[in-house]
Amino acid sequence: MSTERRLGVLGGTFDPIHYGHLRAGEAAEQMLRLDEIRVIPAHDPPHRPVDPKASTFHRFAMAALAIDGHDTWRLSDAELTRTGPSYTAHTLRALHANGFDDLVIAHMPVLRYPGPDGRRPIDLAAEANMSKQAMNYLLGQLEDRGYLVRRPDPDDPRSKRVYLTERGDATGKAMRDAVREVEGEWAAALGAEDLERLREMLTRLTALVRARPGSASPEDGANAS
């Protein structure tokens, strides 16, 4: 009896992913009798004259929501992690090197400083500038993989709060070590004073972007706690 598996790859910018993508994958799955379809969002598609409107994280999250219910479909971040030097890519590599190899780039907004411990999903969604259902999807993945648990909110029975497990707490040290390593490299290249000025400017820029009118709100999504 043959143990060969038939794998299909569905790649694209997915900005956003839509029914055309899904129908093409479903048709290929049926006609070619595929055992699995690997969905791979592109990081920097060379055929497009302009960059994608949505961030890599949001395109990954939209794809995750779109293929939910397709039992033989798997989402891959293989292209998204092929980037130049950055805090996110460096941190993800460090997490994988420390044994947290089931984490993908989409999980970083959940686990990044200050972390989700003791917080509500709706607040995490607002901070990540994404819908509540997308945040809850990611929280569900991390809960299934042993990084956190969701428990009823003692202050609001309609909601829940997120608590890190021992495994989830251990990711914090690996991420802090990775950030310190990158900052050490930048300090050597720029000097400590310039690095501090850069940090201050990036902090101010982040605050301005989050306060910008028209920024996505978690309330735009369907109710989920």
N, C-alpha and C. Protein backbone atom coordinates (compact mmCIF):
# COMPACT_ATOMS: atom_id res chain seq x y z
N MET A 1 0.84 -1.20 0.00
CA MET A 1 0.00 0.00 0.00
C MET A 1 0.88 1.25 0.00
N SER A 2 0.61 2.17 -0.92
CA SER A 2 1.42 3.38 -1.04
C SER A 2 1.17 4.34 0.12
N THR A 3 2.28 4.93 0.61
CA THR A 3 2.17 5.93 1.69
C THR A 3 2.38 7.34 1.14
N GLU A 4 2.44 7.47 -0.18
CA GLU A 4 2.67 8.77 -0.81
C GLU A 4 1.48 9.69 -0.56
N ARG A 5 1.79 10.93 -0.19
CA ARG A 5 0.75 11.93 0.05
C ARG A 5 0.80 12.97 -1.05
N ARG A 6 -0.37 13.38 -1.51
CA ARG A 6 -0.47 14.37 -2.57
C ARG A 6 -0.70 15.74 -1.94
N LEU A 7 0.28 16.61 -2.12
CA LEU A 7 0.26 17.94 -1.49
C LEU A 7 0.05 19.02 -2.55
N GLY A 8 -0.89 19.91 -2.29
CA GLY A 8 -1.10 21.06 -3.16
C GLY A 8 -0.67 22.34 -2.45
N VAL A 9 -0.16 23.30 -3.20
CA VAL A 9 0.28 24.58 -2.64
C VAL A 9 -0.56 25.70 -3.26
N LEU A 10 -1.22 26.47 -2.40
CA LEU A 10 -2.02 27.61 -2.85
C LEU A 10 -1.35 28.88 -2.34
N GLY A 11 -0.64 29.56 -3.23
CA GLY A 11 0.06 30.77 -2.84
C GLY A 11 -0.60 32.00 -3.40
N GLY A 12 -0.33 33.14 -2.79
CA GLY A 12 -0.90 34.39 -3.27
C GLY A 12 -0.65 35.51 -2.28
N THR A 13 -0.93 36.72 -2.72
CA THR A 13 -0.79 37.86 -1.82
C THR A 13 -1.90 37.84 -0.77
N PHE A 14 -3.11 37.41 -1.18
CA PHE A 14 -4.26 37.33 -0.27
C PHE A 14 -4.52 38.68 0.40
N ASP A 15 -4.74 39.69 -0.45
CA ASP A 15 -4.92 41.06 0.04
C ASP A 15 -6.24 41.66 -0.46
N PRO A 16 -7.39 41.10 -0.06
CA PRO A 16 -7.54 40.00 0.90
C PRO A 16 -7.76 38.66 0.19
N ILE A 17 -7.73 37.59 0.97
CA ILE A 17 -8.13 36.29 0.45
C ILE A 17 -9.63 36.32 0.20
N HIS A 18 -10.09 35.64 -0.88
CA HIS A 18 -11.51 35.71 -1.24
C HIS A 18 -11.98 34.37 -1.78
N TYR A 19 -13.28 34.34 -2.16
CA TYR A 19 -13.87 33.08 -2.60
C TYR A 19 -13.18 32.51 -3.84
N GLY A 20 -12.65 33.38 -4.71
CA GLY A 20 -11.95 32.89 -5.89
C GLY A 20 -10.76 32.02 -5.52
N HIS A 21 -10.00 32.46 -4.49
CA HIS A 21 -8.88 31.65 -4.02
C HIS A 21 -9.37 30.31 -3.49
N LEU A 22 -10.42 30.37 -2.66
CA LEU A 22 -10.91 29.16 -2.02
C LEU A 22 -11.49 28.17 -3.03
N ARG A 23 -12.25 28.71 -4.01
CA ARG A 23 -12.86 27.82 -5.01
C ARG A 23 -11.79 27.15 -5.86
N ALA A 24 -10.73 27.89 -6.20
CA ALA A 24 -9.63 27.30 -6.98
C ALA A 24 -8.97 26.16 -6.20
N GLY A 25 -8.75 26.41 -4.91
CA GLY A 25 -8.16 25.37 -4.08
C GLY A 25 -9.05 24.16 -3.95
N GLU A 26 -10.35 24.39 -3.76
CA GLU A 26 -11.29 23.29 -3.62
C GLU A 26 -11.37 22.46 -4.89
N ALA A 27 -11.36 23.15 -6.06
CA ALA A 27 -11.42 22.44 -7.34
C ALA A 27 -10.17 21.58 -7.54
N ALA A 28 -9.00 22.15 -7.21
CA ALA A 28 -7.76 21.38 -7.35
C ALA A 28 -7.75 20.19 -6.39
N GLU A 29 -8.24 20.43 -5.19
CA GLU A 29 -8.28 19.36 -4.19
C GLU A 29 -9.12 18.18 -4.68
N GLN A 30 -10.26 18.49 -5.31
CA GLN A 30 -11.16 17.44 -5.77
C GLN A 30 -10.63 16.75 -7.02
N MET A 31 -10.20 17.55 -8.00
CA MET A 31 -9.79 16.99 -9.28
C MET A 31 -8.47 16.21 -9.17
N LEU A 32 -7.55 16.71 -8.34
CA LEU A 32 -6.24 16.08 -8.21
C LEU A 32 -6.16 15.11 -7.03
N ARG A 33 -7.27 15.00 -6.29
CA ARG A 33 -7.34 14.10 -5.14
C ARG A 33 -6.20 14.37 -4.15
N LEU A 34 -6.12 15.61 -3.74
CA LEU A 34 -5.04 16.02 -2.85
C LEU A 34 -5.33 15.60 -1.42
N ASP A 35 -4.28 15.21 -0.71
CA ASP A 35 -4.42 14.87 0.70
C ASP A 35 -4.34 16.10 1.60
N GLU A 36 -3.63 17.12 1.11
CA GLU A 36 -3.43 18.33 1.91
C GLU A 36 -3.18 19.51 0.98
N ILE A 37 -3.67 20.68 1.39
CA ILE A 37 -3.36 21.92 0.68
C ILE A 37 -2.64 22.84 1.64
N ARG A 38 -1.48 23.33 1.22
CA ARG A 38 -0.69 24.27 2.02
C ARG A 38 -0.94 25.68 1.48
N VAL A 39 -1.52 26.54 2.31
CA VAL A 39 -1.83 27.92 1.92
C VAL A 39 -0.67 28.81 2.37
N ILE A 40 -0.04 29.51 1.43
CA ILE A 40 1.18 30.26 1.72
C ILE A 40 1.03 31.71 1.26
N PRO A 41 0.74 32.65 2.16
CA PRO A 41 0.70 34.06 1.78
C PRO A 41 2.10 34.55 1.39
N ALA A 42 2.17 35.35 0.34
CA ALA A 42 3.45 35.89 -0.12
C ALA A 42 3.85 37.08 0.74
N HIS A 43 5.16 37.21 0.96
CA HIS A 43 5.64 38.35 1.75
C HIS A 43 5.79 39.60 0.90
N ASP A 44 6.55 39.50 -0.20
CA ASP A 44 6.82 40.66 -1.06
C ASP A 44 6.64 40.22 -2.50
N PRO A 45 5.39 40.15 -2.98
CA PRO A 45 5.13 39.62 -4.33
C PRO A 45 5.79 40.46 -5.42
N PRO A 46 6.66 39.87 -6.24
CA PRO A 46 7.40 40.64 -7.24
C PRO A 46 6.55 41.10 -8.41
N HIS A 47 5.37 40.49 -8.61
CA HIS A 47 4.56 40.82 -9.77
C HIS A 47 3.63 42.00 -9.52
N ARG A 48 3.58 42.52 -8.31
CA ARG A 48 2.69 43.63 -8.00
C ARG A 48 3.46 44.95 -8.05
N PRO A 49 2.85 45.99 -8.70
CA PRO A 49 3.55 47.27 -8.79
C PRO A 49 3.58 48.04 -7.48
N VAL A 50 2.66 47.71 -6.56
CA VAL A 50 2.62 48.40 -5.28
C VAL A 50 2.58 47.36 -4.17
N ASP A 51 2.97 47.77 -2.97
CA ASP A 51 2.94 46.86 -1.84
C ASP A 51 1.50 46.53 -1.47
N PRO A 52 1.27 45.36 -0.83
CA PRO A 52 -0.08 45.04 -0.35
C PRO A 52 -0.59 46.10 0.61
N LYS A 53 -1.90 46.34 0.57
CA LYS A 53 -2.50 47.33 1.47
C LYS A 53 -2.52 46.83 2.91
N ALA A 54 -2.80 45.55 3.08
CA ALA A 54 -2.84 44.98 4.43
C ALA A 54 -1.45 44.51 4.84
N SER A 55 -1.18 44.54 6.13
CA SER A 55 0.11 44.09 6.64
C SER A 55 0.23 42.58 6.46
N THR A 56 1.46 42.07 6.55
CA THR A 56 1.67 40.63 6.44
C THR A 56 0.89 39.90 7.53
N PHE A 57 0.87 40.48 8.74
CA PHE A 57 0.15 39.84 9.84
C PHE A 57 -1.34 39.73 9.52
N HIS A 58 -1.95 40.84 9.06
CA HIS A 58 -3.38 40.82 8.80
C HIS A 58 -3.72 39.91 7.62
N ARG A 59 -2.86 39.84 6.61
CA ARG A 59 -3.12 38.93 5.50
C ARG A 59 -3.04 37.48 5.97
N PHE A 60 -2.10 37.20 6.87
CA PHE A 60 -1.99 35.85 7.44
C PHE A 60 -3.23 35.53 8.27
N ALA A 61 -3.67 36.50 9.09
CA ALA A 61 -4.84 36.28 9.94
C ALA A 61 -6.10 36.08 9.11
N MET A 62 -6.26 36.88 8.04
CA MET A 62 -7.43 36.73 7.16
C MET A 62 -7.43 35.35 6.51
N ALA A 63 -6.26 34.88 6.09
CA ALA A 63 -6.18 33.55 5.48
C ALA A 63 -6.54 32.47 6.50
N ALA A 64 -6.09 32.66 7.75
CA ALA A 64 -6.40 31.69 8.80
C ALA A 64 -7.90 31.58 9.01
N LEU A 65 -8.58 32.72 9.03
CA LEU A 65 -10.03 32.72 9.22
C LEU A 65 -10.73 32.11 8.01
N ALA A 66 -10.23 32.40 6.81
CA ALA A 66 -10.88 31.95 5.59
C ALA A 66 -10.84 30.43 5.44
N ILE A 67 -9.76 29.80 5.85
CA ILE A 67 -9.64 28.34 5.64
C ILE A 67 -10.14 27.55 6.84
N ASP A 68 -10.61 28.24 7.88
CA ASP A 68 -11.16 27.53 9.03
C ASP A 68 -12.33 26.66 8.58
N GLY A 69 -12.32 25.41 8.92
CA GLY A 69 -13.35 24.48 8.48
C GLY A 69 -12.89 23.57 7.35
N HIS A 70 -11.78 23.93 6.70
CA HIS A 70 -11.18 23.05 5.70
C HIS A 70 -10.18 22.15 6.42
N ASP A 71 -10.60 20.95 6.74
CA ASP A 71 -9.81 20.09 7.63
C ASP A 71 -8.45 19.70 7.06
N THR A 72 -8.33 19.64 5.75
CA THR A 72 -7.07 19.19 5.15
C THR A 72 -6.21 20.36 4.66
N TRP A 73 -6.62 21.59 4.98
CA TRP A 73 -5.85 22.77 4.58
C TRP A 73 -4.98 23.23 5.74
N ARG A 74 -3.75 23.62 5.45
CA ARG A 74 -2.83 24.10 6.48
C ARG A 74 -2.25 25.44 6.04
N LEU A 75 -2.17 26.38 6.97
CA LEU A 75 -1.62 27.69 6.70
C LEU A 75 -0.14 27.71 7.04
N SER A 76 0.68 28.25 6.15
CA SER A 76 2.12 28.28 6.34
C SER A 76 2.63 29.72 6.31
N ASP A 77 3.60 30.02 7.19
CA ASP A 77 4.24 31.34 7.18
C ASP A 77 5.62 31.28 6.54
N ALA A 78 5.86 30.26 5.70
CA ALA A 78 7.18 30.06 5.11
C ALA A 78 7.67 31.29 4.37
N GLU A 79 6.79 31.96 3.62
CA GLU A 79 7.20 33.15 2.87
C GLU A 79 7.29 34.37 3.78
N LEU A 80 6.41 34.46 4.74
CA LEU A 80 6.35 35.67 5.58
C LEU A 80 7.58 35.81 6.45
N THR A 81 8.23 34.71 6.79
CA THR A 81 9.42 34.79 7.64
C THR A 81 10.69 34.99 6.84
N ARG A 82 10.58 35.04 5.52
CA ARG A 82 11.76 35.30 4.69
C ARG A 82 11.93 36.81 4.52
N THR A 83 12.33 37.48 5.56
CA THR A 83 12.47 38.92 5.56
C THR A 83 13.89 39.31 5.91
N GLY A 84 14.17 40.61 5.78
CA GLY A 84 15.44 41.12 6.24
C GLY A 84 15.44 41.23 7.75
N PRO A 85 16.55 41.75 8.31
CA PRO A 85 16.65 41.86 9.76
C PRO A 85 15.51 42.69 10.35
N SER A 86 14.85 42.18 11.35
CA SER A 86 13.78 42.90 12.03
C SER A 86 13.56 42.28 13.39
N TYR A 87 12.94 43.03 14.28
CA TYR A 87 12.66 42.48 15.61
C TYR A 87 11.79 41.23 15.49
N THR A 88 10.75 41.28 14.65
CA THR A 88 9.82 40.16 14.58
C THR A 88 10.50 38.90 14.04
N ALA A 89 11.19 39.02 12.91
CA ALA A 89 11.82 37.85 12.32
C ALA A 89 12.90 37.30 13.24
N HIS A 90 13.70 38.17 13.84
CA HIS A 90 14.77 37.74 14.74
C HIS A 90 14.16 37.06 15.97
N THR A 91 13.10 37.65 16.51
CA THR A 91 12.45 37.08 17.69
C THR A 91 11.87 35.71 17.38
N LEU A 92 11.25 35.57 16.22
CA LEU A 92 10.65 34.29 15.85
C LEU A 92 11.73 33.22 15.69
N ARG A 93 12.84 33.58 15.09
CA ARG A 93 13.94 32.61 14.96
C ARG A 93 14.46 32.19 16.34
N ALA A 94 14.55 33.17 17.25
CA ALA A 94 15.02 32.86 18.59
C ALA A 94 14.04 31.93 19.32
N LEU A 95 12.75 32.17 19.15
CA LEU A 95 11.75 31.30 19.77
C LEU A 95 11.85 29.88 19.23
N HIS A 96 12.01 29.75 17.92
CA HIS A 96 12.15 28.42 17.32
C HIS A 96 13.40 27.72 17.85
N ALA A 97 14.49 28.48 17.98
CA ALA A 97 15.74 27.90 18.47
C ALA A 97 15.63 27.43 19.91
N ASN A 98 14.70 28.02 20.66
CA ASN A 98 14.49 27.64 22.06
C ASN A 98 13.39 26.60 22.23
N GLY A 99 12.95 26.01 21.14
CA GLY A 99 12.00 24.92 21.23
C GLY A 99 10.54 25.30 21.02
N PHE A 100 10.27 26.59 20.77
CA PHE A 100 8.89 27.02 20.55
C PHE A 100 8.62 27.08 19.05
N ASP A 101 8.85 25.93 18.37
CA ASP A 101 8.80 25.93 16.92
C ASP A 101 7.39 25.80 16.36
N ASP A 102 6.37 25.78 17.22
CA ASP A 102 5.00 25.77 16.74
C ASP A 102 4.41 27.17 16.69
N LEU A 103 5.21 28.19 16.99
CA LEU A 103 4.76 29.57 16.89
C LEU A 103 5.03 30.10 15.49
N VAL A 104 4.12 30.95 14.99
CA VAL A 104 4.30 31.57 13.69
C VAL A 104 4.21 33.08 13.86
N ILE A 105 4.49 33.80 12.79
CA ILE A 105 4.56 35.26 12.87
C ILE A 105 3.25 35.89 13.33
N ALA A 106 2.12 35.25 13.01
CA ALA A 106 0.83 35.81 13.41
C ALA A 106 0.63 35.81 14.92
N HIS A 107 1.39 34.98 15.66
CA HIS A 107 1.24 34.92 17.11
C HIS A 107 2.00 36.04 17.83
N MET A 108 2.91 36.72 17.13
CA MET A 108 3.76 37.70 17.79
C MET A 108 2.99 38.87 18.42
N PRO A 109 1.94 39.42 17.77
CA PRO A 109 1.21 40.51 18.43
C PRO A 109 0.53 40.09 19.73
N VAL A 110 0.29 38.79 19.91
CA VAL A 110 -0.33 38.32 21.15
C VAL A 110 0.72 38.21 22.25
N LEU A 111 1.88 37.69 21.91
CA LEU A 111 2.90 37.39 22.92
C LEU A 111 3.86 38.54 23.19
N ARG A 112 3.89 39.55 22.32
CA ARG A 112 4.87 40.62 22.48
C ARG A 112 4.63 41.40 23.78
N TYR A 113 5.65 42.15 24.20
CA TYR A 113 5.57 42.95 25.42
C TYR A 113 4.37 43.91 25.34
N PRO A 114 3.61 44.06 26.43
CA PRO A 114 3.80 43.49 27.77
C PRO A 114 3.19 42.11 27.96
N GLY A 115 2.67 41.51 26.90
CA GLY A 115 2.11 40.17 26.98
C GLY A 115 0.63 40.18 27.32
N PRO A 116 -0.03 39.04 27.15
CA PRO A 116 -1.48 38.97 27.33
C PRO A 116 -1.94 38.59 28.74
N ASP A 117 -1.00 38.31 29.65
CA ASP A 117 -1.38 37.74 30.94
C ASP A 117 -2.35 38.64 31.71
N GLY A 118 -3.51 38.08 32.09
CA GLY A 118 -4.49 38.80 32.88
C GLY A 118 -5.34 39.78 32.10
N ARG A 119 -5.22 39.81 30.78
CA ARG A 119 -5.92 40.80 29.98
C ARG A 119 -7.10 40.18 29.24
N ARG A 120 -8.01 41.05 28.78
CA ARG A 120 -9.19 40.58 28.05
C ARG A 120 -8.89 40.52 26.55
N PRO A 121 -9.48 39.56 25.84
CA PRO A 121 -9.28 39.47 24.39
C PRO A 121 -9.62 40.75 23.66
N ILE A 122 -10.67 41.44 24.07
CA ILE A 122 -11.07 42.67 23.38
C ILE A 122 -9.99 43.74 23.50
N ASP A 123 -9.31 43.78 24.64
CA ASP A 123 -8.24 44.77 24.82
C ASP A 123 -7.01 44.39 23.99
N LEU A 124 -6.72 43.10 23.93
CA LEU A 124 -5.60 42.66 23.09
C LEU A 124 -5.88 42.94 21.62
N ALA A 125 -7.14 42.77 21.20
CA ALA A 125 -7.51 43.05 19.82
C ALA A 125 -7.34 44.52 19.50
N ALA A 126 -7.75 45.39 20.43
CA ALA A 126 -7.62 46.83 20.21
C ALA A 126 -6.15 47.22 20.08
N GLU A 127 -5.31 46.65 20.92
CA GLU A 127 -3.89 46.98 20.90
C GLU A 127 -3.23 46.50 19.61
N ALA A 128 -3.69 45.36 19.09
CA ALA A 128 -3.12 44.81 17.85
C ALA A 128 -3.79 45.38 16.62
N ASN A 129 -4.82 46.23 16.81
CA ASN A 129 -5.54 46.86 15.71
C ASN A 129 -6.16 45.80 14.79
N MET A 130 -6.89 44.85 15.40
CA MET A 130 -7.51 43.79 14.64
C MET A 130 -8.87 43.47 15.23
N SER A 131 -9.66 42.68 14.53
CA SER A 131 -11.00 42.35 15.00
C SER A 131 -10.94 41.36 16.16
N LYS A 132 -12.04 41.31 16.92
CA LYS A 132 -12.09 40.41 18.07
C LYS A 132 -12.09 38.94 17.63
N GLN A 133 -12.77 38.64 16.52
CA GLN A 133 -12.81 37.23 16.11
C GLN A 133 -11.44 36.76 15.65
N ALA A 134 -10.66 37.65 15.00
CA ALA A 134 -9.31 37.27 14.59
C ALA A 134 -8.42 37.03 15.81
N MET A 135 -8.53 37.92 16.81
CA MET A 135 -7.75 37.73 18.04
C MET A 135 -8.13 36.44 18.73
N ASN A 136 -9.43 36.16 18.83
CA ASN A 136 -9.86 34.93 19.50
C ASN A 136 -9.41 33.69 18.74
N TYR A 137 -9.32 33.79 17.42
CA TYR A 137 -8.80 32.66 16.63
C TYR A 137 -7.35 32.37 17.03
N LEU A 138 -6.54 33.43 17.12
CA LEU A 138 -5.13 33.27 17.49
C LEU A 138 -5.00 32.78 18.93
N LEU A 139 -5.82 33.33 19.83
CA LEU A 139 -5.80 32.87 21.21
C LEU A 139 -6.16 31.38 21.30
N GLY A 140 -7.12 30.96 20.48
CA GLY A 140 -7.49 29.55 20.46
C GLY A 140 -6.34 28.66 20.01
N GLN A 141 -5.59 29.12 19.00
CA GLN A 141 -4.42 28.36 18.56
C GLN A 141 -3.39 28.24 19.68
N LEU A 142 -3.11 29.38 20.34
CA LEU A 142 -2.10 29.37 21.40
C LEU A 142 -2.56 28.55 22.60
N GLU A 143 -3.87 28.55 22.86
CA GLU A 143 -4.39 27.73 23.95
C GLU A 143 -4.24 26.24 23.62
N ASP A 144 -4.54 25.88 22.38
CA ASP A 144 -4.40 24.48 21.96
C ASP A 144 -2.95 24.01 22.04
N ARG A 145 -2.01 24.94 21.87
CA ARG A 145 -0.59 24.58 21.86
C ARG A 145 0.05 24.73 23.24
N GLY A 146 -0.77 25.07 24.24
CA GLY A 146 -0.28 25.04 25.61
C GLY A 146 0.38 26.32 26.11
N TYR A 147 0.18 27.45 25.40
CA TYR A 147 0.83 28.69 25.81
C TYR A 147 -0.03 29.54 26.75
N LEU A 148 -1.33 29.34 26.74
CA LEU A 148 -2.21 30.16 27.57
C LEU A 148 -3.52 29.43 27.81
N VAL A 149 -4.28 29.97 28.74
CA VAL A 149 -5.65 29.50 28.99
C VAL A 149 -6.55 30.72 29.08
N ARG A 150 -7.82 30.53 28.74
CA ARG A 150 -8.81 31.60 28.87
C ARG A 150 -9.81 31.21 29.95
N ARG A 151 -9.98 32.10 30.93
CA ARG A 151 -10.88 31.82 32.05
C ARG A 151 -11.90 32.94 32.17
N PRO A 152 -13.05 32.65 32.79
CA PRO A 152 -14.08 33.69 32.96
C PRO A 152 -13.53 34.90 33.69
N ASP A 153 -13.93 36.08 33.24
CA ASP A 153 -13.51 37.34 33.87
C ASP A 153 -14.30 37.53 35.16
N PRO A 154 -13.64 37.61 36.31
CA PRO A 154 -14.36 37.77 37.58
C PRO A 154 -15.14 39.09 37.67
N ASP A 155 -14.74 40.06 36.85
CA ASP A 155 -15.42 41.36 36.87
C ASP A 155 -16.53 41.48 35.84
N ASP A 156 -16.59 40.53 34.90
CA ASP A 156 -17.59 40.60 33.83
C ASP A 156 -17.86 39.18 33.34
N PRO A 157 -18.98 38.58 33.74
CA PRO A 157 -19.27 37.20 33.37
C PRO A 157 -19.44 36.99 31.86
N ARG A 158 -19.62 38.09 31.10
CA ARG A 158 -19.79 37.96 29.66
C ARG A 158 -18.45 37.83 28.94
N SER A 159 -17.38 38.08 29.64
CA SER A 159 -16.07 38.11 29.01
C SER A 159 -15.14 37.09 29.65
N LYS A 160 -13.92 37.03 29.11
CA LYS A 160 -12.89 36.15 29.65
C LYS A 160 -11.59 36.92 29.79
N ARG A 161 -10.65 36.32 30.51
CA ARG A 161 -9.31 36.88 30.62
C ARG A 161 -8.29 35.81 30.23
N VAL A 162 -7.18 36.27 29.75
CA VAL A 162 -6.12 35.38 29.25
C VAL A 162 -5.04 35.24 30.31
N TYR A 163 -4.58 34.02 30.52
CA TYR A 163 -3.51 33.78 31.49
C TYR A 163 -2.47 32.87 30.84
N LEU A 164 -1.21 33.26 30.95
CA LEU A 164 -0.12 32.47 30.39
C LEU A 164 0.12 31.21 31.22
N THR A 165 0.44 30.13 30.54
CA THR A 165 0.88 28.92 31.22
C THR A 165 2.39 29.03 31.47
N GLU A 166 2.95 28.02 32.08
CA GLU A 166 4.41 28.02 32.30
C GLU A 166 5.15 28.08 30.96
N ARG A 167 4.63 27.36 29.97
CA ARG A 167 5.25 27.38 28.64
C ARG A 167 5.13 28.78 28.01
N GLY A 168 3.97 29.39 28.16
CA GLY A 168 3.77 30.72 27.62
C GLY A 168 4.66 31.74 28.29
N ASP A 169 4.80 31.62 29.59
CA ASP A 169 5.65 32.56 30.33
C ASP A 169 7.11 32.43 29.90
N ALA A 170 7.51 31.22 29.54
CA ALA A 170 8.90 31.00 29.13
C ALA A 170 9.23 31.69 27.81
N THR A 171 8.21 31.94 26.98
CA THR A 171 8.48 32.64 25.72
C THR A 171 8.95 34.07 25.98
N GLY A 172 8.52 34.66 27.10
CA GLY A 172 8.89 36.03 27.40
C GLY A 172 10.39 36.21 27.53
N LYS A 173 11.04 35.28 28.21
CA LYS A 173 12.50 35.38 28.39
C LYS A 173 13.20 35.25 27.05
N ALA A 174 12.76 34.30 26.22
CA ALA A 174 13.39 34.11 24.92
C ALA A 174 13.23 35.36 24.05
N MET A 175 12.07 36.00 24.13
CA MET A 175 11.83 37.20 23.33
C MET A 175 12.65 38.38 23.85
N ARG A 176 12.74 38.51 25.17
CA ARG A 176 13.55 39.61 25.73
C ARG A 176 15.02 39.44 25.37
N ASP A 177 15.52 38.20 25.42
CA ASP A 177 16.91 37.95 25.05
C ASP A 177 17.15 38.30 23.59
N ALA A 178 16.18 37.97 22.73
CA ALA A 178 16.32 38.26 21.30
C ALA A 178 16.35 39.77 21.05
N VAL A 179 15.48 40.50 21.74
CA VAL A 179 15.44 41.96 21.57
C VAL A 179 16.74 42.58 22.05
N ARG A 180 17.25 42.11 23.19
CA ARG A 180 18.52 42.64 23.70
C ARG A 180 19.67 42.39 22.71
N GLU A 181 19.64 41.24 22.05
CA GLU A 181 20.69 40.94 21.08
C GLU A 181 20.62 41.90 19.90
N VAL A 182 19.40 42.16 19.39
CA VAL A 182 19.25 43.09 18.27
C VAL A 182 19.66 44.50 18.68
N GLU A 183 19.23 44.92 19.87
CA GLU A 183 19.58 46.26 20.34
C GLU A 183 21.09 46.40 20.52
N GLY A 184 21.75 45.32 20.93
CA GLY A 184 23.21 45.36 21.05
C GLY A 184 23.87 45.56 19.71
N GLU A 185 23.34 44.89 18.67
CA GLU A 185 23.89 45.06 17.32
C GLU A 185 23.67 46.49 16.82
N TRP A 186 22.47 47.04 17.09
CA TRP A 186 22.16 48.40 16.63
C TRP A 186 22.98 49.42 17.40
N ALA A 187 23.18 49.19 18.68
CA ALA A 187 23.98 50.12 19.48
C ALA A 187 25.42 50.15 18.98
N ALA A 188 25.94 49.00 18.58
CA ALA A 188 27.29 48.95 18.06
C ALA A 188 27.40 49.70 16.74
N ALA A 189 26.31 49.65 15.94
CA ALA A 189 26.34 50.28 14.63
C ALA A 189 26.03 51.78 14.70
N LEU A 190 25.09 52.17 15.59
CA LEU A 190 24.63 53.56 15.64
C LEU A 190 25.22 54.36 16.79
N GLY A 191 25.60 53.67 17.86
CA GLY A 191 25.97 54.34 19.09
C GLY A 191 24.78 54.35 20.03
N ALA A 192 25.03 54.31 21.33
CA ALA A 192 23.96 54.20 22.32
C ALA A 192 23.00 55.39 22.27
N GLU A 193 23.53 56.62 22.07
CA GLU A 193 22.68 57.80 22.06
C GLU A 193 21.73 57.81 20.86
N ASP A 194 22.25 57.49 19.68
CA ASP A 194 21.40 57.45 18.50
C ASP A 194 20.36 56.34 18.60
N LEU A 195 20.72 55.21 19.19
CA LEU A 195 19.76 54.13 19.37
C LEU A 195 18.63 54.58 20.28
N GLU A 196 18.96 55.30 21.35
CA GLU A 196 17.93 55.78 22.27
C GLU A 196 17.00 56.77 21.56
N ARG A 197 17.58 57.67 20.74
CA ARG A 197 16.74 58.61 19.99
C ARG A 197 15.84 57.87 19.01
N LEU A 198 16.37 56.82 18.37
CA LEU A 198 15.57 56.03 17.44
C LEU A 198 14.42 55.35 18.18
N ARG A 199 14.70 54.81 19.36
CA ARG A 199 13.67 54.15 20.15
C ARG A 199 12.55 55.13 20.51
N GLU A 200 12.95 56.34 20.92
CA GLU A 200 11.96 57.36 21.29
C GLU A 200 11.10 57.75 20.09
N MET A 201 11.72 57.91 18.92
CA MET A 201 10.97 58.28 17.72
C MET A 201 10.00 57.18 17.31
N LEU A 202 10.43 55.93 17.39
CA LEU A 202 9.55 54.82 17.03
C LEU A 202 8.38 54.71 18.01
N THR A 203 8.63 54.97 19.28
CA THR A 203 7.55 54.95 20.28
C THR A 203 6.53 56.03 19.97
N ARG A 204 7.00 57.22 19.65
CA ARG A 204 6.09 58.32 19.31
C ARG A 204 5.31 58.01 18.04
N LEU A 205 6.01 57.45 17.04
CA LEU A 205 5.35 57.12 15.78
C LEU A 205 4.26 56.07 15.99
N THR A 206 4.56 55.06 16.80
CA THR A 206 3.55 54.03 17.09
C THR A 206 2.32 54.63 17.74
N ALA A 207 2.52 55.55 18.70
CA ALA A 207 1.39 56.20 19.37
C ALA A 207 0.57 57.01 18.38
N LEU A 208 1.24 57.70 17.45
CA LEU A 208 0.52 58.51 16.47
C LEU A 208 -0.31 57.63 15.53
N VAL A 209 0.27 56.50 15.10
CA VAL A 209 -0.45 55.60 14.20
C VAL A 209 -1.68 55.03 14.88
N ARG A 210 -1.53 54.65 16.14
CA ARG A 210 -2.68 54.06 16.86
C ARG A 210 -3.77 55.08 17.11
N ALA A 211 -3.40 56.35 17.21
CA ALA A 211 -4.39 57.40 17.47
C ALA A 211 -4.97 57.97 16.19
N ARG A 212 -4.51 57.50 15.04
CA ARG A 212 -4.95 58.05 13.76
C ARG A 212 -6.43 57.78 13.54
N PRO A 213 -7.20 58.79 13.12
CA PRO A 213 -8.62 58.58 12.83
C PRO A 213 -8.80 57.54 11.74
N GLY A 214 -9.80 56.69 11.94
CA GLY A 214 -10.08 55.67 10.94
C GLY A 214 -9.33 54.38 11.14
N SER A 215 -8.51 54.30 12.20
CA SER A 215 -7.82 53.05 12.47
C SER A 215 -8.83 51.97 12.78
N ALA A 216 -8.54 50.74 12.38
CA ALA A 216 -9.47 49.64 12.60
C ALA A 216 -9.71 49.44 14.08
N SER A 217 -10.94 49.12 14.41
CA SER A 217 -11.32 48.89 15.80
C SER A 217 -11.80 47.48 15.97
N PRO A 218 -11.56 46.85 17.12
CA PRO A 218 -12.06 45.49 17.34
C PRO A 218 -13.56 45.43 17.32
N GLU A 219 -14.23 46.59 17.54
CA GLU A 219 -15.69 46.60 17.52
C GLU A 219 -16.21 46.40 16.09
N ASP A 220 -15.33 46.54 15.06
CA ASP A 220 -15.77 46.34 13.70
C ASP A 220 -16.07 44.87 13.42
N GLY A 221 -15.53 44.00 14.27
CA GLY A 221 -15.74 42.57 14.07
C GLY A 221 -16.98 42.10 14.79
N ALA A 222 -17.28 40.83 14.60
CA ALA A 222 -18.44 40.25 15.27
C ALA A 222 -18.15 40.12 16.75
N ASN A 223 -19.20 40.11 17.57
CA ASN A 223 -19.03 39.99 19.03
C ASN A 223 -18.35 38.68 19.36
N ALA A 224 -17.32 38.78 20.15
CA ALA A 224 -16.62 37.59 20.66
C ALA A 224 -15.84 38.03 21.87
N SER A 225 -15.81 37.23 22.89
CA SER A 225 -15.05 37.57 24.09
C SER A 225 -14.07 36.48 24.39
